[in-house]
Amino acid sequence: MKRALALLLLLPLAACQDGAPRFDTMAIALPDEEPTYPDGPRKDAVINNCAACHSADMILNQPKLTRAQWQSNIDKMRKVFKAEIDPAVEGDILDYLTAFQGQSARNQAPKP
């Protein structure tokens, strides 16, 4: 058992020409800054009510939803996650979300 373990440990070293381990380097370019919410009417309502928990990148990478589906998400945020969304600006939030992440109801596949 000890011989097999020693052999397994030496195999990677045997693959190197001089017996020393060789490591390759790699460069990764990261974006300089976080994505921001696109400018548009009612952007402030989304920032003031949603940005505490949701980054712009997270919201903008959601699937395209109908206004009714976005409404359902807002309702879920309130009921399930206890989000303190100001009811006075809920329509503004829906306008913004459907402008940037909206899908018309006629393009939706029927639910089974």
Protein backbone atom coordinates (compact mmCIF):
# COMPACT_ATOMS: atom_id res chain seq x y z
CA MET A 1 0.00 0.00 0.00
CA LYS A 2 2.81 2.41 0.89
CA ARG A 3 4.57 1.66 -2.42
CA ALA A 4 1.40 2.39 -4.41
CA LEU A 5 0.88 5.68 -2.55
CA ALA A 6 4.51 6.74 -3.07
CA LEU A 7 4.25 5.87 -6.76
CA LEU A 8 1.06 7.94 -7.13
CA LEU A 9 2.71 10.91 -5.44
CA LEU A 10 5.76 10.71 -7.69
CA LEU A 11 3.86 10.40 -10.97
CA PRO A 12 3.22 14.14 -11.38
CA LEU A 13 6.89 14.89 -10.68
CA ALA A 14 8.03 12.31 -13.19
CA ALA A 15 6.07 14.13 -15.87
CA CYS A 16 8.25 17.25 -15.42
CA GLN A 17 11.61 17.30 -17.18
CA ASP A 18 13.75 18.31 -14.21
CA GLY A 19 11.57 16.73 -11.53
CA ALA A 20 10.36 20.09 -10.21
CA PRO A 21 6.66 20.87 -10.48
CA ARG A 22 5.76 23.28 -13.24
CA PHE A 23 2.94 25.77 -12.98
CA ASP A 24 1.44 27.70 -15.85
CA THR A 25 0.23 31.24 -15.28
CA MET A 26 -2.94 32.73 -16.61
CA ALA A 27 -4.24 36.30 -16.77
CA ILE A 28 -7.89 37.02 -16.17
CA ALA A 29 -9.34 40.40 -17.09
CA LEU A 30 -12.10 41.52 -14.73
CA PRO A 31 -14.45 44.41 -15.42
CA ASP A 32 -13.38 47.67 -13.83
CA GLU A 33 -16.73 48.38 -12.27
CA GLU A 34 -20.06 46.80 -11.51
CA PRO A 35 -22.84 47.15 -14.08
CA THR A 36 -25.33 49.86 -13.19
CA TYR A 37 -29.05 50.19 -13.65
CA PRO A 38 -29.70 51.63 -17.11
CA ASP A 39 -30.97 55.19 -17.20
CA GLY A 40 -34.68 55.41 -17.72
CA PRO A 41 -37.88 56.73 -16.24
CA ARG A 42 -38.48 55.55 -12.69
CA LYS A 43 -34.93 54.25 -12.16
CA ASP A 44 -34.88 55.87 -8.71
CA ALA A 45 -37.86 53.78 -7.57
CA VAL A 46 -35.96 50.58 -8.41
CA ILE A 47 -32.76 51.78 -6.75
CA ASN A 48 -34.59 52.91 -3.61
CA ASN A 49 -36.68 49.75 -3.27
CA CYS A 50 -34.73 46.91 -4.90
CA ALA A 51 -31.01 47.71 -4.91
CA ALA A 52 -30.51 46.92 -1.22
CA CYS A 53 -30.82 43.23 -2.13
CA HIS A 54 -30.48 43.06 -5.92
CA SER A 55 -27.57 44.28 -8.02
CA ALA A 56 -28.21 45.75 -11.45
CA ASP A 57 -26.47 42.75 -12.96
CA MET A 58 -28.78 40.36 -11.13
CA ILE A 59 -31.94 42.15 -12.28
CA LEU A 60 -30.76 42.66 -15.86
CA ASN A 61 -29.92 38.96 -16.19
CA GLN A 62 -33.42 37.84 -15.29
CA PRO A 63 -35.62 36.36 -18.01
CA LYS A 64 -37.90 38.70 -19.92
CA LEU A 65 -41.21 38.69 -18.05
CA THR A 66 -44.64 40.17 -18.60
CA ARG A 67 -45.87 42.97 -16.38
CA ALA A 68 -48.09 40.46 -14.55
CA GLN A 69 -45.12 38.19 -13.91
CA TRP A 70 -43.06 41.11 -12.57
CA GLN A 71 -46.02 41.99 -10.34
CA SER A 72 -45.99 38.42 -9.05
CA ASN A 73 -42.27 38.76 -8.25
CA ILE A 74 -42.86 42.00 -6.35
CA ASP A 75 -45.68 40.33 -4.40
CA LYS A 76 -43.34 37.42 -3.59
CA MET A 77 -40.61 39.81 -2.41
CA ARG A 78 -43.11 41.41 -0.03
CA LYS A 79 -44.80 38.26 1.28
CA VAL A 80 -41.97 35.72 1.35
CA PHE A 81 -38.88 37.87 1.88
CA LYS A 82 -40.58 40.73 3.79
CA ALA A 83 -39.21 43.37 1.42
CA GLU A 84 -40.30 46.88 2.37
CA ILE A 85 -41.39 48.00 -1.08
CA ASP A 86 -43.19 51.34 -1.04
CA PRO A 87 -46.69 50.70 -2.46
CA ALA A 88 -46.79 54.28 -3.78
CA VAL A 89 -43.99 53.52 -6.27
CA GLU A 90 -44.88 49.93 -7.16
CA GLY A 91 -46.25 51.04 -10.54
CA ASP A 92 -43.00 52.92 -11.21
CA ILE A 93 -40.98 49.78 -10.44
CA LEU A 94 -43.17 47.75 -12.78
CA ASP A 95 -42.78 50.37 -15.52
CA TYR A 96 -39.00 50.25 -15.21
CA LEU A 97 -38.75 46.46 -15.07
CA THR A 98 -41.04 45.95 -18.05
CA ALA A 99 -39.17 48.61 -20.03
CA PHE A 100 -35.82 46.83 -19.60
CA GLN A 101 -36.78 43.24 -18.81
CA GLY A 102 -40.29 43.05 -20.18
CA GLN A 103 -41.97 40.66 -22.55
CA SER A 104 -45.37 41.23 -24.04
CA ALA A 105 -48.09 38.90 -22.81
CA ARG A 106 -48.84 37.63 -26.34
CA ASN A 107 -45.28 36.26 -26.64
CA GLN A 108 -45.71 34.11 -23.55
CA ALA A 109 -46.18 30.39 -23.92
CA PRO A 110 -49.41 29.18 -22.31
CA LYS A 111 -48.97 27.64 -18.89
CA PRO A 112 -49.64 23.89 -18.69
